[in-house]
Protein backbone atom coordinates (compact mmCIF):
# COMPACT_ATOMS: atom_id res chain seq x y z
CA UNK A 1 -27.52 -68.50 -85.52
CA UNK A 2 -26.43 -64.84 -85.88
CA UNK A 3 -23.78 -63.94 -88.35
CA UNK A 4 -21.16 -61.48 -87.61
CA UNK A 5 -19.60 -59.48 -90.36
CA UNK A 6 -15.95 -59.40 -90.39
CA UNK A 7 -16.17 -55.51 -90.76
CA UNK A 8 -18.12 -55.51 -87.47
CA UNK A 9 -15.54 -57.95 -85.69
CA UNK A 10 -12.60 -55.77 -86.91
CA UNK A 11 -14.30 -52.54 -85.57
CA UNK A 12 -14.92 -54.11 -82.50
CA UNK A 13 -11.31 -55.47 -82.03
CA UNK A 14 -10.14 -51.77 -83.07
CA UNK A 15 -12.25 -50.49 -80.26
CA UNK A 16 -10.78 -52.75 -77.84
CA UNK A 17 -7.20 -51.33 -78.65
CA UNK A 18 -6.20 -54.07 -80.98
CA UNK A 19 -3.61 -52.95 -83.47
CA UNK A 20 -4.52 -52.71 -87.17
CA UNK A 21 -2.89 -52.87 -90.48
CA UNK A 22 -3.29 -51.80 -94.15
CA UNK A 23 -1.20 -51.57 -97.25
CA UNK A 24 0.96 -48.40 -98.47
CA UNK A 25 2.93 -47.96 -101.47
CA UNK A 26 6.70 -47.18 -100.99
CA UNK A 27 9.76 -46.80 -102.85
CA UNK A 28 10.24 -50.57 -102.45
CA UNK A 29 6.92 -51.41 -103.60
CA UNK A 30 3.78 -52.40 -101.57
CA UNK A 31 4.25 -52.55 -97.83
CA UNK A 32 1.86 -53.61 -94.69
CA UNK A 33 1.77 -50.74 -92.26
CA UNK A 34 0.51 -51.69 -88.76
CA UNK A 35 -0.23 -49.29 -85.99
CA UNK A 36 -1.70 -49.05 -82.31
CA UNK A 37 -2.89 -45.98 -80.76
CA UNK A 38 0.80 -44.89 -79.90
CA UNK A 39 1.61 -44.73 -83.50
CA UNK A 40 3.14 -47.00 -86.31
CA UNK A 41 4.44 -50.13 -84.97
CA UNK A 42 5.62 -52.22 -88.06
CA UNK A 43 6.26 -51.81 -91.69
CA UNK A 44 7.16 -54.86 -93.62
CA UNK A 45 6.94 -55.99 -97.55
CA UNK A 46 3.48 -57.30 -98.62
CA UNK A 47 3.31 -61.15 -98.80
CA UNK A 48 0.19 -62.49 -97.61
CA UNK A 49 -2.08 -61.56 -94.61
CA UNK A 50 -1.82 -64.43 -92.91
CA UNK A 51 1.98 -64.51 -92.99
CA UNK A 52 2.09 -60.66 -91.81
CA UNK A 53 -0.22 -61.65 -88.90
CA UNK A 54 1.55 -64.67 -87.65
CA UNK A 55 5.10 -62.70 -87.80
CA UNK A 56 3.35 -59.80 -86.13
CA UNK A 57 2.04 -61.96 -83.28
CA UNK A 58 5.65 -63.60 -82.83
CA UNK A 59 7.27 -60.41 -82.87
CA UNK A 60 4.97 -58.29 -80.60
CA UNK A 61 2.96 -61.07 -78.76
CA UNK A 62 -0.01 -59.10 -79.65
CA UNK A 63 -2.45 -59.60 -82.53
CA UNK A 64 -3.20 -57.32 -85.43
CA UNK A 65 -6.19 -57.20 -87.35
CA UNK A 66 -7.06 -55.60 -91.00
CA UNK A 67 -8.19 -51.90 -90.95
CA UNK A 68 -11.68 -50.95 -91.72
CA UNK A 69 -11.12 -47.37 -91.45
CA UNK A 70 -7.82 -45.40 -92.03
CA UNK A 71 -7.22 -42.99 -89.22
CA UNK A 72 -4.83 -39.87 -89.09
CA UNK A 73 -1.85 -42.27 -88.12
CA UNK A 74 -2.44 -44.52 -91.19
CA UNK A 75 -2.78 -41.63 -93.42
CA UNK A 76 0.43 -39.94 -92.06
CA UNK A 77 2.30 -43.18 -92.75
CA UNK A 78 1.07 -43.65 -96.10
CA UNK A 79 1.78 -39.97 -97.27
CA UNK A 80 5.59 -40.55 -95.37
CA UNK A 81 6.19 -43.71 -97.53
CA UNK A 82 5.18 -42.11 -100.97
CA UNK A 83 7.93 -39.54 -99.98
CA UNK A 84 6.10 -36.49 -98.34
CA UNK A 85 7.77 -34.78 -95.49
CA UNK A 86 5.05 -35.36 -92.64
CA UNK A 87 5.38 -36.11 -89.07
CA UNK A 88 4.42 -39.77 -88.34
CA UNK A 89 3.94 -40.96 -84.63
CA UNK A 90 5.87 -44.47 -84.15
CA UNK A 91 5.19 -46.99 -81.45
CA UNK A 92 8.56 -48.49 -80.15
CA UNK A 93 7.39 -49.71 -76.93
CA UNK A 94 8.66 -53.27 -77.74
CA UNK A 95 12.30 -52.00 -78.32
CA UNK A 96 14.73 -51.94 -75.36
CA UNK A 97 16.12 -48.57 -74.31
CA UNK A 98 19.21 -49.09 -76.17
CA UNK A 99 17.35 -49.91 -79.56
CA UNK A 100 15.08 -47.07 -78.99
CA UNK A 101 18.02 -44.68 -78.62
CA UNK A 102 19.60 -46.25 -81.78
CA UNK A 103 16.48 -45.88 -83.75
CA UNK A 104 15.91 -42.10 -82.57
CA UNK A 105 19.68 -41.45 -83.83
CA UNK A 106 19.01 -42.99 -86.91
CA UNK A 107 15.81 -40.77 -87.45
CA UNK A 108 17.88 -37.59 -87.09
CA UNK A 109 20.04 -38.51 -90.53
CA UNK A 110 18.52 -36.25 -93.14
CA UNK A 111 17.70 -37.60 -96.88
CA UNK A 112 20.79 -37.59 -98.95
CA UNK A 113 23.25 -38.42 -96.01
CA UNK A 114 24.32 -41.62 -94.77
CA UNK A 115 26.65 -42.47 -91.40
CA UNK A 116 28.68 -45.27 -90.42
CA UNK A 117 27.81 -47.37 -87.62
CA UNK A 118 30.78 -46.21 -85.43
CA UNK A 119 29.18 -42.70 -85.95
CA UNK A 120 26.23 -43.69 -84.13
CA UNK A 121 27.78 -45.99 -81.46
CA UNK A 122 29.94 -42.54 -80.78
CA UNK A 123 27.05 -40.21 -80.69
CA UNK A 124 25.30 -42.52 -78.03
CA UNK A 125 28.34 -42.49 -75.96
CA UNK A 126 29.18 -46.16 -76.37
CA UNK A 127 32.22 -45.87 -78.93
CA UNK A 128 32.75 -49.90 -78.75
CA UNK A 129 29.09 -50.88 -79.34
CA UNK A 130 29.11 -50.98 -83.07
CA UNK A 131 27.71 -54.61 -83.07
CA UNK A 132 25.12 -53.70 -80.56
CA UNK A 133 24.19 -50.76 -82.85
CA UNK A 134 24.01 -53.00 -85.93
CA UNK A 135 21.57 -55.44 -83.94
CA UNK A 136 19.42 -52.81 -83.13
CA UNK A 137 19.07 -51.54 -86.50
CA UNK A 138 18.54 -54.83 -87.55
CA UNK A 139 15.19 -55.32 -85.36
CA UNK A 140 13.88 -51.72 -86.49
CA UNK A 141 10.24 -52.34 -86.74
CA UNK A 142 9.56 -49.29 -88.68
CA UNK A 143 12.18 -49.27 -91.62
CA UNK A 144 11.41 -46.40 -93.97
CA UNK A 145 9.80 -44.49 -91.60
CA UNK A 146 13.08 -44.57 -89.27
CA UNK A 147 15.58 -44.58 -92.07
CA UNK A 148 18.10 -47.39 -90.72
CA UNK A 149 19.36 -47.81 -94.38
CA UNK A 150 20.98 -44.38 -93.91
CA UNK A 151 23.50 -46.23 -91.59
CA UNK A 152 26.20 -47.91 -93.38
CA UNK A 153 29.68 -50.03 -93.06
CA UNK A 154 32.34 -48.14 -91.68
CA UNK A 155 34.18 -48.84 -95.01
CA UNK A 156 31.41 -46.54 -96.20
CA UNK A 157 29.77 -49.44 -98.31
CA UNK A 158 26.14 -50.10 -97.99
CA UNK A 159 26.22 -53.10 -95.69
CA UNK A 160 22.99 -55.23 -94.55
CA UNK A 161 19.40 -54.14 -94.70
CA UNK A 162 16.05 -55.90 -93.61
CA UNK A 163 15.11 -55.51 -97.22
CA UNK A 164 18.65 -56.56 -98.87
CA UNK A 165 21.47 -54.70 -99.56
CA UNK A 166 20.46 -53.74 -103.27
CA UNK A 167 17.25 -52.41 -101.86
CA UNK A 168 19.36 -50.44 -99.40
CA UNK A 169 21.83 -48.97 -101.95
CA UNK A 170 18.65 -48.28 -104.34
CA UNK A 171 17.17 -45.87 -101.44
CA UNK A 172 20.53 -44.10 -100.74
CA UNK A 173 21.20 -43.76 -104.41
CA UNK A 174 17.53 -42.38 -105.02
CA UNK A 175 17.97 -39.79 -102.15
CA UNK A 176 21.20 -38.66 -103.53
CA UNK A 177 24.05 -40.46 -101.91
CA UNK A 178 26.57 -41.07 -104.74
CA UNK A 179 28.59 -44.13 -103.91
CA UNK A 180 30.89 -43.84 -106.83
CA UNK A 181 32.26 -40.73 -105.46
CA UNK A 182 32.52 -42.17 -102.10
CA UNK A 183 34.40 -44.94 -103.45
CA UNK A 184 36.72 -42.39 -105.29
CA UNK A 185 37.28 -40.73 -101.96
CA UNK A 186 37.92 -43.92 -100.09
CA UNK A 187 40.05 -45.49 -103.03
CA UNK A 188 42.75 -42.35 -102.90
CA UNK A 189 42.89 -43.04 -99.16
CA UNK A 190 40.91 -39.99 -97.78
CA UNK A 191 39.05 -40.35 -94.53
CA UNK A 192 37.53 -36.89 -94.81
CA UNK A 193 36.46 -34.16 -97.43
CA UNK A 194 37.38 -30.38 -96.81
CA UNK A 195 36.04 -27.09 -98.07
CA UNK A 196 37.44 -23.56 -98.35
CA UNK A 197 34.29 -22.21 -96.49
CA UNK A 198 36.27 -23.65 -93.26
CA UNK A 199 35.02 -27.00 -92.34
CA UNK A 200 35.59 -30.97 -93.09
CA UNK A 201 33.05 -33.39 -93.35
CA UNK A 202 32.48 -37.19 -93.79
CA UNK A 203 32.32 -38.34 -97.46
CA UNK A 204 28.61 -39.18 -96.82
CA UNK A 205 27.51 -35.93 -95.68
CA UNK A 206 25.17 -34.50 -98.11
CA UNK A 207 26.52 -34.34 -101.45
CA UNK A 208 30.17 -33.36 -100.26
CA UNK A 209 32.01 -36.43 -101.84
CA UNK A 210 30.78 -35.57 -105.49
CA UNK A 211 32.69 -32.65 -105.31
CA UNK A 212 35.91 -33.71 -104.30
CA UNK A 213 37.50 -32.79 -107.71
CA UNK A 214 35.80 -29.43 -107.69
CA UNK A 215 37.77 -26.28 -106.61
CA UNK A 216 37.50 -25.23 -103.24
CA UNK A 217 37.23 -29.18 -102.12
CA UNK A 218 40.08 -31.31 -100.68
CA UNK A 219 40.47 -34.92 -99.68
CA UNK A 220 42.11 -35.23 -96.06
CA UNK A 221 43.65 -38.24 -94.70
CA UNK A 222 43.14 -37.69 -90.78
CA UNK A 223 41.82 -34.77 -88.47
CA UNK A 224 45.30 -33.45 -88.13
CA UNK A 225 45.59 -32.69 -91.65
CA UNK A 226 42.20 -31.02 -91.57
CA UNK A 227 43.61 -29.00 -88.36
CA UNK A 228 46.87 -28.04 -90.33
CA UNK A 229 44.35 -26.50 -93.11
CA UNK A 230 42.79 -24.44 -90.53
CA UNK A 231 39.30 -26.62 -90.97
CA UNK A 232 36.95 -27.24 -88.14
CA UNK A 233 34.53 -30.30 -87.76
CA UNK A 234 31.28 -29.75 -89.76
CA UNK A 235 28.46 -29.24 -87.16
CA UNK A 236 25.98 -31.59 -89.30
CA UNK A 237 27.89 -34.85 -89.93
CA UNK A 238 30.24 -34.39 -86.55
CA UNK A 239 33.14 -36.31 -88.47
CA UNK A 240 35.78 -36.58 -85.52
CA UNK A 241 36.46 -40.48 -84.97
CA UNK A 242 33.29 -41.54 -86.75
């Protein structure tokens, strides 16, 4: 009987296009990272290989084997999960067209920013689809690579997350989102923050919320009040009706 090594078997599977996986460090600890020839297909917290493979098969209806060699896709994913600003291809073939649109929009949100579910729905031209947006984010196969943690509740609290609300808040605070300042803005009844440079923003736009008590910044209760001050909407956070 000829014995076949696991490495040889894995190489054969990879040569047939079967998805591979490895582990990578991240801000939330060790993760399994799976990828296909199209890009990274899954990111999940490490538990055990058998459990990950079973989850992967159930979610994607195809198998996934341990990687023998780390190719450029996996290398880029590892670097991105460790905070490097590198491009990582992602494989969203198993998402619906709407889910993919939601995830692509979430990917546009820069570090240090957050946006409410309503903002995403409005940006997609479906302002009533907040629940559908939340469901799509909940099915994000590549969290951290596509930063669905940057989408928060309409009341500007963190909300749910695949890795838990505490993890979501930790990620956002590490990135520079100041929930204390945001809570101060909302507690005072302000919906927007304006600045003397001529525009107004969502409280979650960059670091604007923490400056509300600084000279040159002001709290605004609605868009009409902003217009009375001659302010225009920020071109980055696009705050109107968010």
